[in-house]
Amino acid sequence: MYSFTVHNDKKSHVRAKGIATATSKKLRHQDYLKQLNLPQENKLANRRIGCKLHKVHSLEIQKRGLCAFDDKRFLLDDGVFMN
């Protein structure tokens, strides 16, 4: 996930991989900055239509949204990153 603004254009560009497009359009550059300054995990609601046993359902899934914590890798005592 990342976000940046273009100085001349005054437009923010937001990228949120793994989050539905409709949900990611609600995110603003200020949300990313707030997450960096005050890190806390938040959840975003992803809504979609699903089918199980030929019955159509409307599903709402809570996904982890903006998060300043990098939990996919960690630093070992000898200074090597472990994935």
PDB file of N, CA and C in Angstrom:
ATOM      1  N   MET A   1       0.831  -1.168   0.000  1.00  0.00           N
ATOM      2  CA  MET A   1       0.000   0.000   0.000  1.00  0.00           C
ATOM      3  C   MET A   1       0.879   1.235   0.000  1.00  0.00           C
ATOM      4  N   TYR A   2       0.512   2.164  -0.825  1.00  0.00           N
ATOM      5  CA  TYR A   2       1.257   3.425  -0.837  1.00  0.00           C
ATOM      6  C   TYR A   2       0.370   4.536  -1.348  1.00  0.00           C
ATOM      7  N   SER A   3       0.821   5.757  -1.113  1.00  0.00           N
ATOM      8  CA  SER A   3       0.103   6.939  -1.562  1.00  0.00           C
ATOM      9  C   SER A   3       1.115   8.048  -1.789  1.00  0.00           C
ATOM     10  N   PHE A   4       0.856   8.874  -2.807  1.00  0.00           N
ATOM     11  CA  PHE A   4       1.707  10.037  -3.033  1.00  0.00           C
ATOM     12  C   PHE A   4       0.881  11.143  -3.677  1.00  0.00           C
ATOM     13  N   THR A   5       1.367  12.356  -3.527  1.00  0.00           N
ATOM     14  CA  THR A   5       0.715  13.499  -4.151  1.00  0.00           C
ATOM     15  C   THR A   5       1.687  14.143  -5.122  1.00  0.00           C
ATOM     16  N   VAL A   6       1.148  14.710  -6.193  1.00  0.00           N
ATOM     17  CA  VAL A   6       1.947  15.427  -7.178  1.00  0.00           C
ATOM     18  C   VAL A   6       1.790  16.910  -6.882  1.00  0.00           C
ATOM     19  N   HIS A   7       2.910  17.591  -6.719  1.00  0.00           N
ATOM     20  CA  HIS A   7       2.893  18.987  -6.284  1.00  0.00           C
ATOM     21  C   HIS A   7       2.132  19.888  -7.256  1.00  0.00           C
ATOM     22  N   ASN A   8       2.420  19.796  -8.539  1.00  0.00           N
ATOM     23  CA  ASN A   8       1.776  20.664  -9.528  1.00  0.00           C
ATOM     24  C   ASN A   8       0.312  20.297  -9.757  1.00  0.00           C
ATOM     25  N   ASP A   9       0.015  19.014  -9.672  1.00  0.00           N
ATOM     26  CA  ASP A   9      -1.320  18.519  -9.988  1.00  0.00           C
ATOM     27  C   ASP A   9      -2.278  18.615  -8.791  1.00  0.00           C
ATOM     28  N   LYS A  10      -1.728  18.638  -7.578  1.00  0.00           N
ATOM     29  CA  LYS A  10      -2.505  18.641  -6.324  1.00  0.00           C
ATOM     30  C   LYS A  10      -3.479  17.472  -6.264  1.00  0.00           C
ATOM     31  N   LYS A  11      -3.080  16.368  -6.844  1.00  0.00           N
ATOM     32  CA  LYS A  11      -3.898  15.166  -6.877  1.00  0.00           C
ATOM     33  C   LYS A  11      -3.161  14.071  -6.118  1.00  0.00           C
ATOM     34  N   SER A  12      -3.877  13.286  -5.346  1.00  0.00           N
ATOM     35  CA  SER A  12      -3.227  12.184  -4.642  1.00  0.00           C
ATOM     36  C   SER A  12      -3.486  10.879  -5.382  1.00  0.00           C
ATOM     37  N   HIS A  13      -2.489  10.030  -5.409  1.00  0.00           N
ATOM     38  CA  HIS A  13      -2.572   8.716  -6.027  1.00  0.00           C
ATOM     39  C   HIS A  13      -2.454   7.689  -4.912  1.00  0.00           C
ATOM     40  N   VAL A  14      -3.441   6.811  -4.838  1.00  0.00           N
ATOM     41  CA  VAL A  14      -3.526   5.857  -3.747  1.00  0.00           C
ATOM     42  C   VAL A  14      -3.505   4.451  -4.322  1.00  0.00           C
ATOM     43  N   ARG A  15      -2.763   3.557  -3.666  1.00  0.00           N
ATOM     44  CA  ARG A  15      -2.711   2.150  -4.084  1.00  0.00           C
ATOM     45  C   ARG A  15      -2.908   1.289  -2.853  1.00  0.00           C
ATOM     46  N   ALA A  16      -3.874   0.386  -2.904  1.00  0.00           N
ATOM     47  CA  ALA A  16      -4.162  -0.518  -1.796  1.00  0.00           C
ATOM     48  C   ALA A  16      -4.391  -1.910  -2.371  1.00  0.00           C
ATOM     49  N   LYS A  17      -3.337  -2.696  -2.442  1.00  0.00           N
ATOM     50  CA  LYS A  17      -3.432  -4.026  -3.017  1.00  0.00           C
ATOM     51  C   LYS A  17      -4.134  -4.964  -2.036  1.00  0.00           C
ATOM     52  N   GLY A  18      -5.022  -5.790  -2.553  1.00  0.00           N
ATOM     53  CA  GLY A  18      -5.748  -6.738  -1.725  1.00  0.00           C
ATOM     54  C   GLY A  18      -7.051  -6.190  -1.182  1.00  0.00           C
ATOM     55  N   ILE A  19      -7.309  -4.917  -1.405  1.00  0.00           N
ATOM     56  CA  ILE A  19      -8.542  -4.285  -0.967  1.00  0.00           C
ATOM     57  C   ILE A  19      -9.390  -4.014  -2.209  1.00  0.00           C
ATOM     58  N   ALA A  20     -10.686  -4.189  -2.093  1.00  0.00           N
ATOM     59  CA  ALA A  20     -11.576  -3.959  -3.229  1.00  0.00           C
ATOM     60  C   ALA A  20     -11.450  -2.525  -3.732  1.00  0.00           C
ATOM     61  N   THR A  21     -11.604  -2.337  -5.025  1.00  0.00           N
ATOM     62  CA  THR A  21     -11.437  -1.025  -5.640  1.00  0.00           C
ATOM     63  C   THR A  21     -12.414  -0.010  -5.066  1.00  0.00           C
ATOM     64  N   ALA A  22     -13.656  -0.419  -4.866  1.00  0.00           N
ATOM     65  CA  ALA A  22     -14.658   0.499  -4.322  1.00  0.00           C
ATOM     66  C   ALA A  22     -14.273   0.954  -2.913  1.00  0.00           C
ATOM     67  N   THR A  23     -13.682   0.073  -2.132  1.00  0.00           N
ATOM     68  CA  THR A  23     -13.256   0.418  -0.773  1.00  0.00           C
ATOM     69  C   THR A  23     -12.011   1.281  -0.801  1.00  0.00           C
ATOM     70  N   SER A  24     -11.072   0.982  -1.691  1.00  0.00           N
ATOM     71  CA  SER A  24      -9.823   1.746  -1.738  1.00  0.00           C
ATOM     72  C   SER A  24     -10.035   3.167  -2.255  1.00  0.00           C
ATOM     73  N   LYS A  25     -11.123   3.394  -2.995  1.00  0.00           N
ATOM     74  CA  LYS A  25     -11.409   4.754  -3.472  1.00  0.00           C
ATOM     75  C   LYS A  25     -11.791   5.683  -2.329  1.00  0.00           C
ATOM     76  N   LYS A  26     -12.201   5.129  -1.197  1.00  0.00           N
ATOM     77  CA  LYS A  26     -12.558   5.933  -0.029  1.00  0.00           C
ATOM     78  C   LYS A  26     -11.328   6.397   0.741  1.00  0.00           C
ATOM     79  N   LEU A  27     -10.180   5.752   0.505  1.00  0.00           N
ATOM     80  CA  LEU A  27      -8.947   6.119   1.207  1.00  0.00           C
ATOM     81  C   LEU A  27      -8.361   7.390   0.609  1.00  0.00           C
ATOM     82  N   ARG A  28      -7.821   8.238   1.442  1.00  0.00           N
ATOM     83  CA  ARG A  28      -7.194   9.492   1.027  1.00  0.00           C
ATOM     84  C   ARG A  28      -5.751   9.515   1.501  1.00  0.00           C
ATOM     85  N   HIS A  29      -4.973  10.408   0.929  1.00  0.00           N
ATOM     86  CA  HIS A  29      -3.562  10.541   1.300  1.00  0.00           C
ATOM     87  C   HIS A  29      -3.415  10.878   2.789  1.00  0.00           C
ATOM     88  N   GLN A  30      -4.342  11.659   3.321  1.00  0.00           N
ATOM     89  CA  GLN A  30      -4.295  12.019   4.739  1.00  0.00           C
ATOM     90  C   GLN A  30      -4.452  10.785   5.629  1.00  0.00           C
ATOM     91  N   ASP A  31      -5.189   9.787   5.178  1.00  0.00           N
ATOM     92  CA  ASP A  31      -5.333   8.549   5.946  1.00  0.00           C
ATOM     93  C   ASP A  31      -3.996   7.820   6.064  1.00  0.00           C
ATOM     94  N   TYR A  32      -3.224   7.817   4.991  1.00  0.00           N
ATOM     95  CA  TYR A  32      -1.907   7.184   5.002  1.00  0.00           C
ATOM     96  C   TYR A  32      -0.956   7.940   5.933  1.00  0.00           C
ATOM     97  N   LEU A  33      -0.985   9.275   5.876  1.00  0.00           N
ATOM     98  CA  LEU A  33      -0.120  10.069   6.751  1.00  0.00           C
ATOM     99  C   LEU A  33      -0.492   9.882   8.215  1.00  0.00           C
ATOM    100  N   LYS A  34      -1.782   9.832   8.490  1.00  0.00           N
ATOM    101  CA  LYS A  34      -2.245   9.626   9.866  1.00  0.00           C
ATOM    102  C   LYS A  34      -1.791   8.269  10.389  1.00  0.00           C
ATOM    103  N   GLN A  35      -1.800   7.269   9.516  1.00  0.00           N
ATOM    104  CA  GLN A  35      -1.372   5.925   9.913  1.00  0.00           C
ATOM    105  C   GLN A  35       0.114   5.899  10.248  1.00  0.00           C
ATOM    106  N   LEU A  36       0.931   6.657   9.520  1.00  0.00           N
ATOM    107  CA  LEU A  36       2.359   6.709   9.810  1.00  0.00           C
ATOM    108  C   LEU A  36       2.645   7.418  11.127  1.00  0.00           C
ATOM    109  N   ASN A  37       1.904   8.483  11.423  1.00  0.00           N
ATOM    110  CA  ASN A  37       2.138   9.254  12.637  1.00  0.00           C
ATOM    111  C   ASN A  37       1.525   8.601  13.870  1.00  0.00           C
ATOM    112  N   LEU A  38       0.369   8.004  13.728  1.00  0.00           N
ATOM    113  CA  LEU A  38      -0.318   7.327  14.835  1.00  0.00           C
ATOM    114  C   LEU A  38      -0.642   5.900  14.413  1.00  0.00           C
ATOM    115  N   PRO A  39       0.343   4.980  14.465  1.00  0.00           N
ATOM    116  CA  PRO A  39       0.106   3.625  13.945  1.00  0.00           C
ATOM    117  C   PRO A  39      -0.894   2.847  14.794  1.00  0.00           C
ATOM    118  N   GLN A  40      -1.935   2.401  14.145  1.00  0.00           N
ATOM    119  CA  GLN A  40      -2.893   1.493  14.748  1.00  0.00           C
ATOM    120  C   GLN A  40      -3.545   0.689  13.633  1.00  0.00           C
ATOM    121  N   GLU A  41      -3.832  -0.556  13.904  1.00  0.00           N
ATOM    122  CA  GLU A  41      -4.415  -1.412  12.881  1.00  0.00           C
ATOM    123  C   GLU A  41      -5.887  -1.068  12.706  1.00  0.00           C
ATOM    124  N   ASN A  42      -6.339  -1.024  11.473  1.00  0.00           N
ATOM    125  CA  ASN A  42      -7.749  -0.765  11.212  1.00  0.00           C
ATOM    126  C   ASN A  42      -8.289  -1.785  10.221  1.00  0.00           C
ATOM    127  N   LYS A  43      -9.577  -1.950  10.212  1.00  0.00           N
ATOM    128  CA  LYS A  43     -10.243  -2.897   9.330  1.00  0.00           C
ATOM    129  C   LYS A  43     -11.110  -2.136   8.337  1.00  0.00           C
ATOM    130  N   LEU A  44     -11.158  -2.642   7.107  1.00  0.00           N
ATOM    131  CA  LEU A  44     -11.991  -2.060   6.065  1.00  0.00           C
ATOM    132  C   LEU A  44     -13.007  -3.112   5.617  1.00  0.00           C
ATOM    133  N   ALA A  45     -14.207  -2.684   5.349  1.00  0.00           N
ATOM    134  CA  ALA A  45     -15.276  -3.596   4.923  1.00  0.00           C
ATOM    135  C   ALA A  45     -15.233  -3.755   3.406  1.00  0.00           C
ATOM    136  N   ASN A  46     -15.046  -4.990   2.951  1.00  0.00           N
ATOM    137  CA  ASN A  46     -15.102  -5.319   1.528  1.00  0.00           C
ATOM    138  C   ASN A  46     -16.411  -6.038   1.266  1.00  0.00           C
ATOM    139  N   ARG A  47     -17.200  -5.493   0.376  1.00  0.00           N
ATOM    140  CA  ARG A  47     -18.489  -6.108   0.036  1.00  0.00           C
ATOM    141  C   ARG A  47     -18.396  -6.714  -1.358  1.00  0.00           C
ATOM    142  N   ARG A  48     -18.960  -7.920  -1.487  1.00  0.00           N
ATOM    143  CA  ARG A  48     -18.962  -8.582  -2.786  1.00  0.00           C
ATOM    144  C   ARG A  48     -20.126  -9.551  -2.870  1.00  0.00           C
ATOM    145  N   ILE A  49     -20.374 -10.040  -4.059  1.00  0.00           N
ATOM    146  CA  ILE A  49     -21.424 -11.026  -4.285  1.00  0.00           C
ATOM    147  C   ILE A  49     -20.748 -12.376  -4.447  1.00  0.00           C
ATOM    148  N   GLY A  50     -21.223 -13.365  -3.711  1.00  0.00           N
ATOM    149  CA  GLY A  50     -20.661 -14.701  -3.772  1.00  0.00           C
ATOM    150  C   GLY A  50     -21.739 -15.736  -4.002  1.00  0.00           C
ATOM    151  N   CYS A  51     -21.320 -16.928  -4.390  1.00  0.00           N
ATOM    152  CA  CYS A  51     -22.255 -18.011  -4.678  1.00  0.00           C
ATOM    153  C   CYS A  51     -21.754 -19.276  -3.992  1.00  0.00           C
ATOM    154  N   LYS A  52     -22.659 -19.959  -3.284  1.00  0.00           N
ATOM    155  CA  LYS A  52     -22.321 -21.224  -2.667  1.00  0.00           C
ATOM    156  C   LYS A  52     -23.511 -22.156  -2.827  1.00  0.00           C
ATOM    157  N   LEU A  53     -23.266 -23.311  -3.404  1.00  0.00           N
ATOM    158  CA  LEU A  53     -24.310 -24.295  -3.685  1.00  0.00           C
ATOM    159  C   LEU A  53     -25.452 -23.686  -4.507  1.00  0.00           C
ATOM    160  N   HIS A  54     -25.082 -22.916  -5.509  1.00  0.00           N
ATOM    161  CA  HIS A  54     -26.012 -22.285  -6.456  1.00  0.00           C
ATOM    162  C   HIS A  54     -26.954 -21.290  -5.798  1.00  0.00           C
ATOM    163  N   LYS A  55     -26.567 -20.766  -4.662  1.00  0.00           N
ATOM    164  CA  LYS A  55     -27.340 -19.714  -4.000  1.00  0.00           C
ATOM    165  C   LYS A  55     -26.469 -18.472  -3.930  1.00  0.00           C
ATOM    166  N   VAL A  56     -26.995 -17.358  -4.409  1.00  0.00           N
ATOM    167  CA  VAL A  56     -26.253 -16.105  -4.465  1.00  0.00           C
ATOM    168  C   VAL A  56     -26.405 -15.377  -3.125  1.00  0.00           C
ATOM    169  N   HIS A  57     -25.278 -14.905  -2.598  1.00  0.00           N
ATOM    170  CA  HIS A  57     -25.267 -14.206  -1.325  1.00  0.00           C
ATOM    171  C   HIS A  57     -24.513 -12.893  -1.466  1.00  0.00           C
ATOM    172  N   SER A  58     -24.870 -11.943  -0.654  1.00  0.00           N
ATOM    173  CA  SER A  58     -24.121 -10.702  -0.532  1.00  0.00           C
ATOM    174  C   SER A  58     -23.216 -10.859   0.681  1.00  0.00           C
ATOM    175  N   LEU A  59     -21.910 -10.720   0.485  1.00  0.00           N
ATOM    176  CA  LEU A  59     -20.941 -10.957   1.547  1.00  0.00           C
ATOM    177  C   LEU A  59     -20.250  -9.663   1.950  1.00  0.00           C
ATOM    178  N   GLU A  60     -19.996  -9.516   3.231  1.00  0.00           N
ATOM    179  CA  GLU A  60     -19.186  -8.405   3.722  1.00  0.00           C
ATOM    180  C   GLU A  60     -18.029  -9.006   4.518  1.00  0.00           C
ATOM    181  N   ILE A  61     -16.814  -8.742   4.064  1.00  0.00           N
ATOM    182  CA  ILE A  61     -15.619  -9.285   4.675  1.00  0.00           C
ATOM    183  C   ILE A  61     -14.809  -8.141   5.262  1.00  0.00           C
ATOM    184  N   GLN A  62     -14.389  -8.277   6.507  1.00  0.00           N
ATOM    185  CA  GLN A  62     -13.537  -7.288   7.151  1.00  0.00           C
ATOM    186  C   GLN A  62     -12.085  -7.651   6.857  1.00  0.00           C
ATOM    187  N   LYS A  63     -11.396  -6.782   6.115  1.00  0.00           N
ATOM    188  CA  LYS A  63      -9.987  -7.005   5.792  1.00  0.00           C
ATOM    189  C   LYS A  63      -9.125  -5.987   6.526  1.00  0.00           C
ATOM    190  N   ARG A  64      -7.914  -6.379   6.795  1.00  0.00           N
ATOM    191  CA  ARG A  64      -6.970  -5.474   7.434  1.00  0.00           C
ATOM    192  C   ARG A  64      -6.610  -4.386   6.432  1.00  0.00           C
ATOM    193  N   GLY A  65      -6.822  -3.151   6.822  1.00  0.00           N
ATOM    194  CA  GLY A  65      -6.577  -2.025   5.922  1.00  0.00           C
ATOM    195  C   GLY A  65      -5.198  -1.448   6.112  1.00  0.00           C
ATOM    196  N   LEU A  66      -5.128  -0.168   6.326  1.00  0.00           N
ATOM    197  CA  LEU A  66      -3.849   0.509   6.513  1.00  0.00           C
ATOM    198  C   LEU A  66      -3.199   0.042   7.802  1.00  0.00           C
ATOM    199  N   CYS A  67      -1.931  -0.300   7.697  1.00  0.00           N
ATOM    200  CA  CYS A  67      -1.202  -0.774   8.868  1.00  0.00           C
ATOM    201  C   CYS A  67       0.259  -0.386   8.698  1.00  0.00           C
ATOM    202  N   ALA A  68       0.827   0.291   9.689  1.00  0.00           N
ATOM    203  CA  ALA A  68       2.213   0.731   9.612  1.00  0.00           C
ATOM    204  C   ALA A  68       3.189  -0.351  10.073  1.00  0.00           C
ATOM    205  N   PHE A  69       2.676  -1.475  10.547  1.00  0.00           N
ATOM    206  CA  PHE A  69       3.531  -2.547  11.046  1.00  0.00           C
ATOM    207  C   PHE A  69       3.896  -3.498   9.911  1.00  0.00           C
ATOM    208  N   ASP A  70       5.172  -3.822   9.800  1.00  0.00           N
ATOM    209  CA  ASP A  70       5.648  -4.754   8.777  1.00  0.00           C
ATOM    210  C   ASP A  70       5.796  -6.115   9.441  1.00  0.00           C
ATOM    211  N   ASP A  71       4.770  -6.955   9.340  1.00  0.00           N
ATOM    212  CA  ASP A  71       4.787  -8.241  10.015  1.00  0.00           C
ATOM    213  C   ASP A  71       5.163  -9.396   9.088  1.00  0.00           C
ATOM    214  N   LYS A  72       5.571  -9.099   7.856  1.00  0.00           N
ATOM    215  CA  LYS A  72       5.957 -10.161   6.933  1.00  0.00           C
ATOM    216  C   LYS A  72       7.432 -10.527   7.059  1.00  0.00           C
ATOM    217  N   ARG A  73       8.217  -9.694   7.693  1.00  0.00           N
ATOM    218  CA  ARG A  73       9.630 -10.002   7.886  1.00  0.00           C
ATOM    219  C   ARG A  73      10.073  -9.423   9.221  1.00  0.00           C
ATOM    220  N   PHE A  74      11.145  -9.962   9.739  1.00  0.00           N
ATOM    221  CA  PHE A  74      11.660  -9.463  11.007  1.00  0.00           C
ATOM    222  C   PHE A  74      13.177  -9.561  11.003  1.00  0.00           C
ATOM    223  N   LEU A  75      13.794  -8.782  11.856  1.00  0.00           N
ATOM    224  CA  LEU A  75      15.247  -8.688  11.929  1.00  0.00           C
ATOM    225  C   LEU A  75      15.773  -9.622  13.000  1.00  0.00           C
ATOM    226  N   LEU A  76      16.688 -10.517  12.598  1.00  0.00           N
ATOM    227  CA  LEU A  76      17.308 -11.430  13.556  1.00  0.00           C
ATOM    228  C   LEU A  76      18.395 -10.709  14.341  1.00  0.00           C
ATOM    229  N   ASP A  77      18.905 -11.353  15.396  1.00  0.00           N
ATOM    230  CA  ASP A  77      19.938 -10.747  16.247  1.00  0.00           C
ATOM    231  C   ASP A  77      21.220 -10.455  15.494  1.00  0.00           C
ATOM    232  N   ASP A  78      21.535 -11.245  14.452  1.00  0.00           N
ATOM    233  CA  ASP A  78      22.767 -11.027  13.693  1.00  0.00           C
ATOM    234  C   ASP A  78      22.610  -9.995  12.575  1.00  0.00           C
ATOM    235  N   GLY A  79      21.452  -9.322  12.501  1.00  0.00           N
ATOM    236  CA  GLY A  79      21.245  -8.253  11.528  1.00  0.00           C
ATOM    237  C   GLY A  79      20.719  -8.712  10.182  1.00  0.00           C
ATOM    238  N   VAL A  80      20.287  -9.946  10.071  1.00  0.00           N
ATOM    239  CA  VAL A  80      19.775 -10.503   8.821  1.00  0.00           C
ATOM    240  C   VAL A  80      18.245 -10.468   8.864  1.00  0.00           C
ATOM    241  N   PHE A  81      17.624 -10.042   7.756  1.00  0.00           N
ATOM    242  CA  PHE A  81      16.159 -10.048   7.663  1.00  0.00           C
ATOM    243  C   PHE A  81      15.674 -11.441   7.353  1.00  0.00           C
ATOM    244  N   MET A  82      14.642 -11.879   8.034  1.00  0.00           N
ATOM    245  CA  MET A  82      14.037 -13.180   7.803  1.00  0.00           C
ATOM    246  C   MET A  82      12.640 -12.974   7.243  1.00  0.00           C
ATOM    247  N   ASN A  83      12.304 -13.632   6.137  1.00  0.00           N
ATOM    248  CA  ASN A  83      10.950 -13.524   5.540  1.00  0.00           C
ATOM    249  C   ASN A  83      10.048 -14.569   6.082  1.00  0.00           C
TER     250      ASN A  83
END
